[in-house]
């Protein structure tokens, strides 16, 4: 249905992010008993994910700019 198609576009991006956290960063469950410690860990992991993704995007753009037309 159209509603499912609309939801799947959003869900795809979210699931990709959480899948990367689980697969690459080992974040399948929380490690600490306090909310503050778990929040800090997730913030740090999300920051690392963003830095890594930014580097990959910049590398792709650089490679595309260097390709002959």
C-alpha atoms as a PDB file:
ATOM      1  CA  UNK A   1       0.000   0.000   0.000  1.00  0.00           C
ATOM      2  CA  UNK A   2       1.010   3.642  -0.299  1.00  0.00           C
ATOM      3  CA  UNK A   3       1.242   4.068   3.461  1.00  0.00           C
ATOM      4  CA  UNK A   4       3.648   1.144   3.766  1.00  0.00           C
ATOM      5  CA  UNK A   5       5.796   2.557   0.963  1.00  0.00           C
ATOM      6  CA  UNK A   6       5.984   5.922   2.712  1.00  0.00           C
ATOM      7  CA  UNK A   7       6.923   4.299   6.018  1.00  0.00           C
ATOM      8  CA  UNK A   8       9.513   2.040   4.421  1.00  0.00           C
ATOM      9  CA  UNK A   9      11.514   5.013   3.117  1.00  0.00           C
ATOM     10  CA  UNK A  10      11.956   6.358   6.636  1.00  0.00           C
ATOM     11  CA  UNK A  11      12.358   2.924   8.210  1.00  0.00           C
ATOM     12  CA  UNK A  12      15.142   2.026   5.774  1.00  0.00           C
ATOM     13  CA  UNK A  13      17.397   4.856   6.952  1.00  0.00           C
ATOM     14  CA  UNK A  14      16.742   4.171  10.615  1.00  0.00           C
ATOM     15  CA  UNK A  15      17.265   0.421  10.298  1.00  0.00           C
ATOM     16  CA  UNK A  16      20.492   0.969   8.367  1.00  0.00           C
ATOM     17  CA  UNK A  17      21.845   3.126  11.196  1.00  0.00           C
ATOM     18  CA  UNK A  18      20.916   0.636  13.925  1.00  0.00           C
ATOM     19  CA  UNK A  19      22.227  -2.268  11.864  1.00  0.00           C
ATOM     20  CA  UNK A  20      25.578  -0.522  11.537  1.00  0.00           C
ATOM     21  CA  UNK A  21      25.663   0.114  15.279  1.00  0.00           C
ATOM     22  CA  UNK A  22      25.012  -3.552  16.000  1.00  0.00           C
ATOM     23  CA  UNK A  23      27.311  -4.956  13.332  1.00  0.00           C
ATOM     24  CA  UNK A  24      30.267  -2.562  13.410  1.00  0.00           C
ATOM     25  CA  UNK A  25      30.210  -1.146  16.913  1.00  0.00           C
ATOM     26  CA  UNK A  26      28.839  -4.074  18.929  1.00  0.00           C
ATOM     27  CA  UNK A  27      25.913  -2.097  20.320  1.00  0.00           C
ATOM     28  CA  UNK A  28      23.242  -4.761  20.604  1.00  0.00           C
ATOM     29  CA  UNK A  29      22.452  -4.155  24.270  1.00  0.00           C
ATOM     30  CA  UNK A  30      23.248  -1.527  26.818  1.00  0.00           C
ATOM     31  CA  UNK A  31      26.376  -2.048  28.898  1.00  0.00           C
ATOM     32  CA  UNK A  32      25.670   0.101  31.939  1.00  0.00           C
ATOM     33  CA  UNK A  33      22.976   0.270  34.583  1.00  0.00           C
ATOM     34  CA  UNK A  34      22.472   4.035  34.548  1.00  0.00           C
ATOM     35  CA  UNK A  35      20.644   6.030  31.909  1.00  0.00           C
ATOM     36  CA  UNK A  36      23.313   8.754  31.872  1.00  0.00           C
ATOM     37  CA  UNK A  37      26.156   6.307  31.166  1.00  0.00           C
ATOM     38  CA  UNK A  38      24.213   4.553  28.420  1.00  0.00           C
ATOM     39  CA  UNK A  39      23.231   7.902  26.890  1.00  0.00           C
ATOM     40  CA  UNK A  40      26.862   9.032  26.882  1.00  0.00           C
ATOM     41  CA  UNK A  41      27.951   5.783  25.236  1.00  0.00           C
ATOM     42  CA  UNK A  42      25.295   6.121  22.516  1.00  0.00           C
ATOM     43  CA  UNK A  43      26.232   9.774  21.938  1.00  0.00           C
ATOM     44  CA  UNK A  44      29.899   8.849  21.531  1.00  0.00           C
ATOM     45  CA  UNK A  45      29.138   5.949  19.205  1.00  0.00           C
ATOM     46  CA  UNK A  46      26.797   8.123  17.118  1.00  0.00           C
ATOM     47  CA  UNK A  47      29.507  10.775  16.898  1.00  0.00           C
ATOM     48  CA  UNK A  48      32.026   8.185  15.708  1.00  0.00           C
ATOM     49  CA  UNK A  49      29.516   6.919  13.156  1.00  0.00           C
ATOM     50  CA  UNK A  50      28.973  10.462  11.854  1.00  0.00           C
ATOM     51  CA  UNK A  51      32.705  11.152  11.557  1.00  0.00           C
ATOM     52  CA  UNK A  52      33.305   7.881   9.719  1.00  0.00           C
ATOM     53  CA  UNK A  53      30.360   8.500   7.393  1.00  0.00           C
ATOM     54  CA  UNK A  54      31.527  12.054   6.664  1.00  0.00           C
ATOM     55  CA  UNK A  55      34.996  10.800   5.758  1.00  0.00           C
ATOM     56  CA  UNK A  56      33.508   8.190   3.427  1.00  0.00           C
ATOM     57  CA  UNK A  57      31.265  10.757   1.727  1.00  0.00           C
ATOM     58  CA  UNK A  58      34.170  13.173   1.240  1.00  0.00           C
ATOM     59  CA  UNK A  59      36.330  10.374  -0.190  1.00  0.00           C
ATOM     60  CA  UNK A  60      33.592   9.464  -2.672  1.00  0.00           C
ATOM     61  CA  UNK A  61      33.215  13.092  -3.748  1.00  0.00           C
ATOM     62  CA  UNK A  62      36.970  13.439  -4.198  1.00  0.00           C
ATOM     63  CA  UNK A  63      37.150  10.290  -6.309  1.00  0.00           C
ATOM     64  CA  UNK A  64      34.226  11.477  -8.438  1.00  0.00           C
ATOM     65  CA  UNK A  65      35.887  14.863  -8.989  1.00  0.00           C
ATOM     66  CA  UNK A  66      39.138  13.218 -10.107  1.00  0.00           C
ATOM     67  CA  UNK A  67      37.522  10.894 -12.663  1.00  0.00           C
ATOM     68  CA  UNK A  68      37.917  11.943 -16.275  1.00  0.00           C
ATOM     69  CA  UNK A  69      34.708  13.158 -17.865  1.00  0.00           C
END
